[in-house]
Amino acid sequence: MLQYPRIRERFQPKEETLKRFFHLVFRKAIVTKDTYTTDRITDDPSDNKFLACAMEAQADFILSRDPHLRNLKQYQGIKIIDVTTFLELLKKKK
């Protein structure tokens, strides 16, 4: 996603910044074993992998702009919201 032309054009990230970002992400990431499956989203079945991954990782949130995910609002107790809403929730917790 950070390699998308529109992202690169808008933010113009430096390679060193991207390396540091991914280093942090991989340090904090939970790698799942792909044991869960679901067919909840029929309009775009490729989105089901995000639901399954969140279930396996016992996530509290899925952050997405994808309408197929966002229209669900929640799945198995996992809230599905956009980044802006998530950041607002974080600010409220301070």
N, C-alpha and C. Protein backbone atom coordinates (compact mmCIF):
# COMPACT_ATOMS: atom_id res chain seq x y z
N MET A 1 0.81 -1.18 0.00
CA MET A 1 0.00 0.00 0.00
C MET A 1 0.86 1.25 0.00
N LEU A 2 1.94 1.26 0.74
CA LEU A 2 2.80 2.43 0.77
C LEU A 2 3.54 2.62 -0.54
N GLN A 3 3.49 1.61 -1.41
CA GLN A 3 4.13 1.71 -2.71
C GLN A 3 3.16 2.22 -3.79
N TYR A 4 1.89 2.38 -3.44
CA TYR A 4 0.92 2.88 -4.41
C TYR A 4 1.35 4.26 -4.90
N PRO A 5 1.25 4.51 -6.20
CA PRO A 5 1.66 5.81 -6.71
C PRO A 5 0.98 6.99 -6.03
N ARG A 6 -0.32 6.88 -5.72
CA ARG A 6 -1.01 8.02 -5.10
C ARG A 6 -0.49 8.28 -3.68
N ILE A 7 -0.09 7.23 -2.98
CA ILE A 7 0.48 7.38 -1.64
C ILE A 7 1.87 8.00 -1.75
N ARG A 8 2.68 7.47 -2.64
CA ARG A 8 4.03 8.01 -2.83
C ARG A 8 3.98 9.48 -3.25
N GLU A 9 3.05 9.81 -4.16
CA GLU A 9 2.95 11.19 -4.63
C GLU A 9 2.51 12.13 -3.51
N ARG A 10 1.55 11.70 -2.72
CA ARG A 10 1.01 12.57 -1.66
C ARG A 10 1.98 12.76 -0.51
N PHE A 11 2.61 11.68 -0.06
CA PHE A 11 3.45 11.76 1.14
C PHE A 11 4.95 11.81 0.86
N GLN A 12 5.34 11.35 -0.31
CA GLN A 12 6.74 11.34 -0.72
C GLN A 12 7.66 10.79 0.39
N PRO A 13 7.35 9.55 0.83
CA PRO A 13 8.16 8.98 1.91
C PRO A 13 9.59 8.67 1.47
N LYS A 14 10.52 8.89 2.35
CA LYS A 14 11.91 8.54 2.09
C LYS A 14 12.09 7.05 2.34
N GLU A 15 13.02 6.43 1.64
CA GLU A 15 13.25 5.00 1.80
C GLU A 15 13.58 4.65 3.25
N GLU A 16 14.37 5.47 3.90
CA GLU A 16 14.73 5.21 5.30
C GLU A 16 13.49 5.24 6.20
N THR A 17 12.58 6.15 5.92
CA THR A 17 11.34 6.24 6.69
C THR A 17 10.51 4.97 6.51
N LEU A 18 10.43 4.50 5.26
CA LEU A 18 9.69 3.26 4.99
C LEU A 18 10.33 2.07 5.69
N LYS A 19 11.64 1.99 5.68
CA LYS A 19 12.34 0.89 6.37
C LYS A 19 12.05 0.91 7.86
N ARG A 20 12.10 2.09 8.47
CA ARG A 20 11.82 2.20 9.91
C ARG A 20 10.37 1.83 10.20
N PHE A 21 9.45 2.27 9.33
CA PHE A 21 8.04 1.97 9.52
C PHE A 21 7.81 0.46 9.49
N PHE A 22 8.33 -0.21 8.46
CA PHE A 22 8.13 -1.66 8.35
C PHE A 22 8.83 -2.42 9.46
N HIS A 23 9.96 -1.94 9.89
CA HIS A 23 10.65 -2.57 11.02
C HIS A 23 9.74 -2.55 12.25
N LEU A 24 9.14 -1.41 12.51
CA LEU A 24 8.23 -1.28 13.66
C LEU A 24 7.01 -2.19 13.48
N VAL A 25 6.43 -2.18 12.30
CA VAL A 25 5.24 -3.02 12.05
C VAL A 25 5.57 -4.49 12.29
N PHE A 26 6.68 -4.95 11.73
CA PHE A 26 7.01 -6.37 11.87
C PHE A 26 7.41 -6.74 13.30
N ARG A 27 7.92 -5.78 14.05
CA ARG A 27 8.23 -6.04 15.46
C ARG A 27 6.96 -6.22 16.28
N LYS A 28 5.91 -5.50 15.91
CA LYS A 28 4.66 -5.53 16.66
C LYS A 28 3.60 -6.47 16.08
N ALA A 29 3.82 -6.95 14.88
CA ALA A 29 2.81 -7.75 14.16
C ALA A 29 2.58 -9.10 14.82
N ILE A 30 1.37 -9.57 14.68
CA ILE A 30 1.02 -10.94 15.06
C ILE A 30 0.87 -11.72 13.76
N VAL A 31 1.68 -12.71 13.57
CA VAL A 31 1.61 -13.52 12.36
C VAL A 31 0.64 -14.67 12.62
N THR A 32 -0.39 -14.73 11.81
CA THR A 32 -1.40 -15.78 11.99
C THR A 32 -1.05 -16.99 11.12
N LYS A 33 -1.67 -18.12 11.45
CA LYS A 33 -1.35 -19.37 10.74
C LYS A 33 -2.38 -19.75 9.69
N ASP A 34 -3.29 -18.84 9.41
CA ASP A 34 -4.28 -19.08 8.34
C ASP A 34 -5.17 -20.28 8.65
N THR A 35 -5.64 -20.37 9.91
CA THR A 35 -6.49 -21.49 10.28
C THR A 35 -7.97 -21.16 10.23
N TYR A 36 -8.32 -19.87 10.21
CA TYR A 36 -9.72 -19.47 10.15
C TYR A 36 -10.12 -19.20 8.70
N THR A 37 -11.36 -19.47 8.40
CA THR A 37 -11.93 -19.10 7.10
C THR A 37 -13.33 -18.58 7.33
N THR A 38 -13.80 -17.80 6.39
CA THR A 38 -15.17 -17.30 6.43
C THR A 38 -15.61 -16.99 5.01
N ASP A 39 -16.89 -16.99 4.80
CA ASP A 39 -17.44 -16.60 3.50
C ASP A 39 -18.50 -15.51 3.69
N ARG A 40 -18.30 -14.72 4.73
CA ARG A 40 -19.27 -13.68 5.10
C ARG A 40 -19.48 -12.65 4.00
N ILE A 41 -18.40 -12.24 3.33
CA ILE A 41 -18.51 -11.22 2.28
C ILE A 41 -18.62 -11.93 0.93
N THR A 42 -19.79 -11.83 0.32
CA THR A 42 -20.01 -12.51 -0.96
C THR A 42 -19.74 -11.60 -2.15
N ASP A 43 -19.88 -10.28 -1.98
CA ASP A 43 -19.66 -9.36 -3.09
C ASP A 43 -18.19 -9.28 -3.51
N ASP A 44 -17.30 -9.51 -2.57
CA ASP A 44 -15.86 -9.50 -2.85
C ASP A 44 -15.19 -10.53 -1.94
N PRO A 45 -15.26 -11.80 -2.30
CA PRO A 45 -14.76 -12.87 -1.44
C PRO A 45 -13.29 -12.71 -1.01
N SER A 46 -12.49 -11.97 -1.77
CA SER A 46 -11.09 -11.80 -1.38
C SER A 46 -10.96 -11.00 -0.09
N ASP A 47 -12.01 -10.27 0.30
CA ASP A 47 -11.97 -9.51 1.55
C ASP A 47 -12.15 -10.40 2.78
N ASN A 48 -12.64 -11.60 2.60
CA ASN A 48 -12.87 -12.50 3.73
C ASN A 48 -11.58 -12.83 4.48
N LYS A 49 -10.45 -12.76 3.81
CA LYS A 49 -9.18 -13.06 4.47
C LYS A 49 -8.90 -12.09 5.61
N PHE A 50 -9.38 -10.85 5.48
CA PHE A 50 -9.16 -9.86 6.55
C PHE A 50 -10.01 -10.19 7.78
N LEU A 51 -11.21 -10.66 7.55
CA LEU A 51 -12.06 -11.08 8.67
C LEU A 51 -11.44 -12.30 9.37
N ALA A 52 -11.00 -13.26 8.58
CA ALA A 52 -10.41 -14.48 9.15
C ALA A 52 -9.14 -14.16 9.93
N CYS A 53 -8.32 -13.32 9.39
CA CYS A 53 -7.07 -12.94 10.06
C CYS A 53 -7.37 -12.23 11.38
N ALA A 54 -8.33 -11.32 11.36
CA ALA A 54 -8.69 -10.59 12.58
C ALA A 54 -9.24 -11.54 13.64
N MET A 55 -10.03 -12.52 13.21
CA MET A 55 -10.55 -13.52 14.15
C MET A 55 -9.41 -14.31 14.78
N GLU A 56 -8.51 -14.77 13.95
CA GLU A 56 -7.41 -15.59 14.44
C GLU A 56 -6.50 -14.80 15.39
N ALA A 57 -6.30 -13.52 15.08
CA ALA A 57 -5.43 -12.69 15.91
C ALA A 57 -6.16 -12.12 17.13
N GLN A 58 -7.44 -12.41 17.24
CA GLN A 58 -8.28 -11.88 18.32
C GLN A 58 -8.19 -10.36 18.37
N ALA A 59 -8.34 -9.75 17.19
CA ALA A 59 -8.26 -8.30 17.05
C ALA A 59 -9.48 -7.62 17.64
N ASP A 60 -9.30 -6.39 18.04
CA ASP A 60 -10.41 -5.56 18.51
C ASP A 60 -11.00 -4.76 17.35
N PHE A 61 -10.16 -4.42 16.38
CA PHE A 61 -10.57 -3.58 15.26
C PHE A 61 -10.01 -4.08 13.95
N ILE A 62 -10.72 -3.79 12.88
CA ILE A 62 -10.21 -3.84 11.52
C ILE A 62 -10.32 -2.41 11.01
N LEU A 63 -9.20 -1.85 10.55
CA LEU A 63 -9.20 -0.51 9.99
C LEU A 63 -9.20 -0.65 8.48
N SER A 64 -10.19 -0.05 7.83
CA SER A 64 -10.30 -0.22 6.38
C SER A 64 -11.12 0.90 5.77
N ARG A 65 -10.81 1.18 4.51
CA ARG A 65 -11.63 2.08 3.69
C ARG A 65 -12.51 1.26 2.75
N ASP A 66 -12.31 -0.03 2.71
CA ASP A 66 -13.04 -0.90 1.80
C ASP A 66 -14.52 -0.97 2.18
N PRO A 67 -15.41 -0.62 1.26
CA PRO A 67 -16.84 -0.61 1.60
C PRO A 67 -17.41 -1.98 1.94
N HIS A 68 -16.86 -3.06 1.35
CA HIS A 68 -17.38 -4.39 1.67
C HIS A 68 -17.14 -4.72 3.14
N LEU A 69 -16.00 -4.32 3.65
CA LEU A 69 -15.71 -4.53 5.07
C LEU A 69 -16.47 -3.53 5.93
N ARG A 70 -16.37 -2.26 5.56
CA ARG A 70 -16.96 -1.19 6.38
C ARG A 70 -18.47 -1.33 6.52
N ASN A 71 -19.14 -1.84 5.50
CA ASN A 71 -20.60 -2.00 5.56
C ASN A 71 -21.02 -3.00 6.63
N LEU A 72 -20.12 -3.90 6.99
CA LEU A 72 -20.44 -4.86 8.06
C LEU A 72 -20.51 -4.16 9.42
N LYS A 73 -19.71 -3.12 9.61
CA LYS A 73 -19.60 -2.36 10.86
C LYS A 73 -18.93 -3.16 11.99
N GLN A 74 -19.20 -4.45 12.04
CA GLN A 74 -18.52 -5.33 13.01
C GLN A 74 -18.68 -6.77 12.55
N TYR A 75 -17.76 -7.58 13.02
CA TYR A 75 -17.82 -9.01 12.68
C TYR A 75 -17.31 -9.79 13.88
N GLN A 76 -18.17 -10.64 14.41
CA GLN A 76 -17.80 -11.48 15.56
C GLN A 76 -17.20 -10.64 16.69
N GLY A 77 -17.78 -9.46 16.91
CA GLY A 77 -17.32 -8.59 17.99
C GLY A 77 -16.15 -7.69 17.63
N ILE A 78 -15.64 -7.81 16.42
CA ILE A 78 -14.53 -6.97 15.96
C ILE A 78 -15.11 -5.76 15.24
N LYS A 79 -14.81 -4.58 15.73
CA LYS A 79 -15.32 -3.36 15.11
C LYS A 79 -14.56 -3.08 13.81
N ILE A 80 -15.30 -2.69 12.78
CA ILE A 80 -14.70 -2.37 11.49
C ILE A 80 -14.92 -0.88 11.23
N ILE A 81 -13.83 -0.13 11.27
CA ILE A 81 -13.92 1.33 11.17
C ILE A 81 -12.80 1.87 10.28
N ASP A 82 -12.91 3.15 9.95
CA ASP A 82 -11.85 3.77 9.16
C ASP A 82 -10.77 4.34 10.09
N VAL A 83 -9.66 4.73 9.52
CA VAL A 83 -8.52 5.20 10.31
C VAL A 83 -8.87 6.46 11.09
N THR A 84 -9.62 7.37 10.47
CA THR A 84 -9.98 8.62 11.14
C THR A 84 -10.78 8.34 12.42
N THR A 85 -11.74 7.45 12.33
CA THR A 85 -12.55 7.09 13.51
C THR A 85 -11.67 6.45 14.57
N PHE A 86 -10.74 5.60 14.15
CA PHE A 86 -9.84 4.94 15.09
C PHE A 86 -8.97 5.97 15.81
N LEU A 87 -8.44 6.93 15.08
CA LEU A 87 -7.61 7.96 15.70
C LEU A 87 -8.42 8.81 16.68
N GLU A 88 -9.67 9.08 16.36
CA GLU A 88 -10.55 9.82 17.28
C GLU A 88 -10.76 9.03 18.57
N LEU A 89 -10.94 7.71 18.44
CA LEU A 89 -11.09 6.87 19.63
C LEU A 89 -9.82 6.91 20.48
N LEU A 90 -8.67 6.88 19.85
CA LEU A 90 -7.41 6.95 20.59
C LEU A 90 -7.26 8.28 21.34
N LYS A 91 -7.65 9.35 20.69
CA LYS A 91 -7.57 10.67 21.33
C LYS A 91 -8.45 10.75 22.56
N LYS A 92 -9.63 10.14 22.49
CA LYS A 92 -10.57 10.14 23.62
C LYS A 92 -10.01 9.36 24.81
N LYS A 93 -9.18 8.35 24.53
CA LYS A 93 -8.63 7.52 25.60
C LYS A 93 -7.53 8.20 26.39
N LYS A 94 -6.98 9.28 25.84
CA LYS A 94 -5.87 9.97 26.52
C LYS A 94 -6.31 10.62 27.80
